[in-house]
Amino acid sequence: MKDNNYPTTEPITIRKRIGSTIYEVNTYFNPEAKETVEEKLLRIIKNDLTNGFNRAILNMSQTVRVAKPVKAGERGSA
């Protein structure tokens, strides 16, 4: 793992109040990890963007319909 300033033995605790409920999240980092937190987050974001783009293209290709060609002088039914 690259040198960084993140604690490896104590968790980072984040508390968030939503309405009358307080949520607490403890975050731990593996000192043996092969990538930094920044590298991991960037990889996750890139994967989400790529997969989202691929899903959008797939959905678009499933909803696009090709019109049947009409010969000159013919009209489609209304």
N, C-alpha and C. Protein backbone atom coordinates (compact mmCIF):
# COMPACT_ATOMS: atom_id res chain seq x y z
N MET A 1 0.84 -1.17 0.00
CA MET A 1 0.00 0.00 0.00
C MET A 1 0.89 1.24 0.00
N LYS A 2 0.48 2.25 -0.69
CA LYS A 2 1.24 3.48 -0.72
C LYS A 2 1.16 4.17 0.63
N ASP A 3 2.20 4.97 0.90
CA ASP A 3 2.23 5.71 2.16
C ASP A 3 1.08 6.72 2.19
N ASN A 4 0.35 6.76 3.29
CA ASN A 4 -0.73 7.75 3.44
C ASN A 4 -0.87 8.13 4.90
N ASN A 5 -1.74 9.05 5.19
CA ASN A 5 -1.92 9.55 6.55
C ASN A 5 -3.15 8.98 7.23
N TYR A 6 -3.72 7.91 6.74
CA TYR A 6 -4.94 7.36 7.30
C TYR A 6 -4.61 6.45 8.48
N PRO A 7 -5.42 6.51 9.53
CA PRO A 7 -5.19 5.61 10.65
C PRO A 7 -5.51 4.18 10.24
N THR A 8 -4.74 3.25 10.73
CA THR A 8 -4.97 1.86 10.36
C THR A 8 -5.46 1.02 11.53
N THR A 9 -5.32 1.54 12.76
CA THR A 9 -5.73 0.74 13.91
C THR A 9 -7.06 1.20 14.49
N GLU A 10 -7.35 2.47 14.42
CA GLU A 10 -8.59 3.00 14.96
C GLU A 10 -9.54 3.35 13.81
N PRO A 11 -10.82 3.04 13.97
CA PRO A 11 -11.77 3.39 12.90
C PRO A 11 -12.05 4.89 12.86
N ILE A 12 -12.43 5.36 11.70
CA ILE A 12 -12.94 6.71 11.57
C ILE A 12 -14.45 6.61 11.77
N THR A 13 -15.00 7.38 12.70
CA THR A 13 -16.42 7.32 13.00
C THR A 13 -17.11 8.56 12.47
N ILE A 14 -18.19 8.34 11.74
CA ILE A 14 -19.00 9.42 11.19
C ILE A 14 -20.40 9.30 11.78
N ARG A 15 -20.92 10.39 12.33
CA ARG A 15 -22.28 10.39 12.87
C ARG A 15 -23.13 11.37 12.07
N LYS A 16 -24.34 10.95 11.75
CA LYS A 16 -25.26 11.78 10.97
C LYS A 16 -26.64 11.68 11.58
N ARG A 17 -27.24 12.83 11.88
CA ARG A 17 -28.60 12.85 12.40
C ARG A 17 -29.56 13.07 11.24
N ILE A 18 -30.53 12.19 11.12
CA ILE A 18 -31.61 12.35 10.15
C ILE A 18 -32.90 12.26 10.95
N GLY A 19 -33.59 13.39 11.05
CA GLY A 19 -34.78 13.45 11.90
C GLY A 19 -34.37 13.26 13.34
N SER A 20 -35.01 12.32 14.02
CA SER A 20 -34.67 12.07 15.43
C SER A 20 -33.74 10.87 15.59
N THR A 21 -33.24 10.34 14.47
CA THR A 21 -32.35 9.17 14.51
C THR A 21 -30.92 9.60 14.22
N ILE A 22 -29.98 9.09 15.02
CA ILE A 22 -28.56 9.33 14.79
C ILE A 22 -27.95 8.05 14.23
N TYR A 23 -27.35 8.16 13.05
CA TYR A 23 -26.68 7.03 12.41
C TYR A 23 -25.19 7.16 12.66
N GLU A 24 -24.53 6.05 12.97
CA GLU A 24 -23.10 6.06 13.21
C GLU A 24 -22.46 5.01 12.31
N VAL A 25 -21.44 5.44 11.57
CA VAL A 25 -20.74 4.54 10.66
C VAL A 25 -19.27 4.52 11.07
N ASN A 26 -18.73 3.32 11.29
CA ASN A 26 -17.31 3.16 11.59
C ASN A 26 -16.60 2.66 10.34
N THR A 27 -15.53 3.34 9.96
CA THR A 27 -14.79 2.99 8.76
C THR A 27 -13.41 2.47 9.15
N TYR A 28 -13.06 1.30 8.64
CA TYR A 28 -11.77 0.69 8.92
C TYR A 28 -10.98 0.60 7.62
N PHE A 29 -9.68 0.69 7.73
CA PHE A 29 -8.80 0.55 6.57
C PHE A 29 -7.83 -0.58 6.80
N ASN A 30 -7.65 -1.39 5.80
CA ASN A 30 -6.74 -2.52 5.87
C ASN A 30 -5.31 -2.04 5.62
N PRO A 31 -4.41 -2.19 6.59
CA PRO A 31 -3.03 -1.72 6.38
C PRO A 31 -2.30 -2.51 5.30
N GLU A 32 -2.81 -3.67 4.92
CA GLU A 32 -2.18 -4.48 3.88
C GLU A 32 -2.80 -4.26 2.50
N ALA A 33 -3.70 -3.30 2.40
CA ALA A 33 -4.39 -3.05 1.13
C ALA A 33 -3.38 -2.68 0.03
N LYS A 34 -3.72 -3.05 -1.20
CA LYS A 34 -2.83 -2.79 -2.33
C LYS A 34 -3.09 -1.44 -2.99
N GLU A 35 -4.18 -0.77 -2.59
CA GLU A 35 -4.49 0.54 -3.16
C GLU A 35 -4.92 1.48 -2.04
N THR A 36 -4.73 2.78 -2.26
CA THR A 36 -5.13 3.76 -1.26
C THR A 36 -6.64 3.93 -1.31
N VAL A 37 -7.17 4.63 -0.33
CA VAL A 37 -8.60 4.90 -0.28
C VAL A 37 -9.00 5.70 -1.53
N GLU A 38 -8.18 6.69 -1.90
CA GLU A 38 -8.48 7.51 -3.08
C GLU A 38 -8.54 6.65 -4.34
N GLU A 39 -7.56 5.75 -4.49
CA GLU A 39 -7.52 4.88 -5.67
C GLU A 39 -8.74 3.97 -5.72
N LYS A 40 -9.13 3.45 -4.56
CA LYS A 40 -10.29 2.56 -4.51
C LYS A 40 -11.56 3.32 -4.87
N LEU A 41 -11.75 4.51 -4.27
CA LEU A 41 -12.95 5.29 -4.56
C LEU A 41 -13.01 5.68 -6.04
N LEU A 42 -11.88 6.11 -6.61
CA LEU A 42 -11.86 6.45 -8.04
C LEU A 42 -12.22 5.24 -8.90
N ARG A 43 -11.68 4.06 -8.53
CA ARG A 43 -12.00 2.84 -9.28
C ARG A 43 -13.49 2.52 -9.21
N ILE A 44 -14.08 2.65 -8.01
CA ILE A 44 -15.51 2.37 -7.85
C ILE A 44 -16.34 3.35 -8.66
N ILE A 45 -15.99 4.64 -8.60
CA ILE A 45 -16.74 5.66 -9.35
C ILE A 45 -16.63 5.41 -10.85
N LYS A 46 -15.42 5.13 -11.34
CA LYS A 46 -15.23 4.85 -12.77
C LYS A 46 -16.05 3.64 -13.21
N ASN A 47 -16.02 2.58 -12.38
CA ASN A 47 -16.79 1.38 -12.72
C ASN A 47 -18.29 1.68 -12.76
N ASP A 48 -18.78 2.45 -11.78
CA ASP A 48 -20.19 2.80 -11.76
C ASP A 48 -20.57 3.62 -12.99
N LEU A 49 -19.72 4.58 -13.35
CA LEU A 49 -20.01 5.40 -14.53
C LEU A 49 -20.00 4.57 -15.80
N THR A 50 -19.01 3.69 -15.92
CA THR A 50 -18.92 2.84 -17.11
C THR A 50 -20.10 1.89 -17.18
N ASN A 51 -20.42 1.24 -16.08
CA ASN A 51 -21.54 0.30 -16.06
C ASN A 51 -22.86 1.02 -16.29
N GLY A 52 -23.01 2.21 -15.73
CA GLY A 52 -24.23 2.99 -15.94
C GLY A 52 -24.37 3.38 -17.39
N PHE A 53 -23.27 3.77 -18.03
CA PHE A 53 -23.29 4.12 -19.45
C PHE A 53 -23.66 2.90 -20.27
N ASN A 54 -23.06 1.75 -19.96
CA ASN A 54 -23.36 0.52 -20.70
C ASN A 54 -24.82 0.11 -20.53
N ARG A 55 -25.36 0.27 -19.31
CA ARG A 55 -26.79 -0.05 -19.08
C ARG A 55 -27.68 0.90 -19.87
N ALA A 56 -27.31 2.18 -19.91
CA ALA A 56 -28.11 3.16 -20.64
C ALA A 56 -28.12 2.82 -22.13
N ILE A 57 -26.98 2.45 -22.68
CA ILE A 57 -26.91 2.07 -24.09
C ILE A 57 -27.74 0.82 -24.34
N LEU A 58 -27.66 -0.16 -23.46
CA LEU A 58 -28.44 -1.39 -23.60
C LEU A 58 -29.93 -1.07 -23.55
N ASN A 59 -30.35 -0.25 -22.59
CA ASN A 59 -31.77 0.12 -22.49
C ASN A 59 -32.22 0.88 -23.72
N MET A 60 -31.36 1.76 -24.22
CA MET A 60 -31.71 2.54 -25.40
C MET A 60 -31.88 1.62 -26.61
N SER A 61 -30.96 0.66 -26.76
CA SER A 61 -31.03 -0.23 -27.91
C SER A 61 -32.26 -1.14 -27.85
N GLN A 62 -32.76 -1.40 -26.65
CA GLN A 62 -33.94 -2.24 -26.51
C GLN A 62 -35.23 -1.46 -26.76
N THR A 63 -35.19 -0.14 -26.64
CA THR A 63 -36.40 0.65 -26.81
C THR A 63 -36.49 1.31 -28.18
N VAL A 64 -35.37 1.38 -28.90
CA VAL A 64 -35.40 2.01 -30.23
C VAL A 64 -35.97 1.02 -31.22
N ARG A 65 -36.94 1.46 -32.01
CA ARG A 65 -37.54 0.59 -33.02
C ARG A 65 -37.28 1.20 -34.38
N VAL A 66 -36.94 0.34 -35.30
CA VAL A 66 -36.67 0.79 -36.65
C VAL A 66 -37.98 0.76 -37.44
N ALA A 67 -38.28 1.89 -38.06
CA ALA A 67 -39.52 1.96 -38.85
C ALA A 67 -39.39 1.10 -40.10
N LYS A 68 -40.50 0.47 -40.48
CA LYS A 68 -40.53 -0.34 -41.69
C LYS A 68 -40.48 0.60 -42.89
N PRO A 69 -39.58 0.34 -43.84
CA PRO A 69 -39.51 1.24 -45.00
C PRO A 69 -40.82 1.22 -45.81
N VAL A 70 -41.16 2.37 -46.30
CA VAL A 70 -42.37 2.52 -47.12
C VAL A 70 -41.93 2.78 -48.54
N LYS A 71 -42.51 2.02 -49.50
CA LYS A 71 -42.16 2.22 -50.91
C LYS A 71 -42.74 3.54 -51.41
N ALA A 72 -42.11 4.09 -52.40
CA ALA A 72 -42.60 5.33 -53.00
C ALA A 72 -44.03 5.15 -53.44
N GLY A 73 -44.89 6.10 -53.11
CA GLY A 73 -46.29 6.06 -53.51
C GLY A 73 -47.17 5.36 -52.51
N GLU A 74 -46.61 4.64 -51.56
CA GLU A 74 -47.42 3.94 -50.54
C GLU A 74 -47.47 4.79 -49.27
N ARG A 75 -48.54 4.63 -48.54
CA ARG A 75 -48.65 5.32 -47.25
C ARG A 75 -48.87 4.28 -46.18
N GLY A 76 -48.33 4.57 -45.01
CA GLY A 76 -48.57 3.68 -43.89
C GLY A 76 -49.98 3.84 -43.38
N SER A 77 -50.49 2.84 -42.68
CA SER A 77 -51.85 2.93 -42.15
C SER A 77 -51.85 3.93 -40.99
N ALA A 78 -52.93 4.68 -40.88
CA ALA A 78 -53.02 5.70 -39.84
C ALA A 78 -53.81 5.19 -38.67
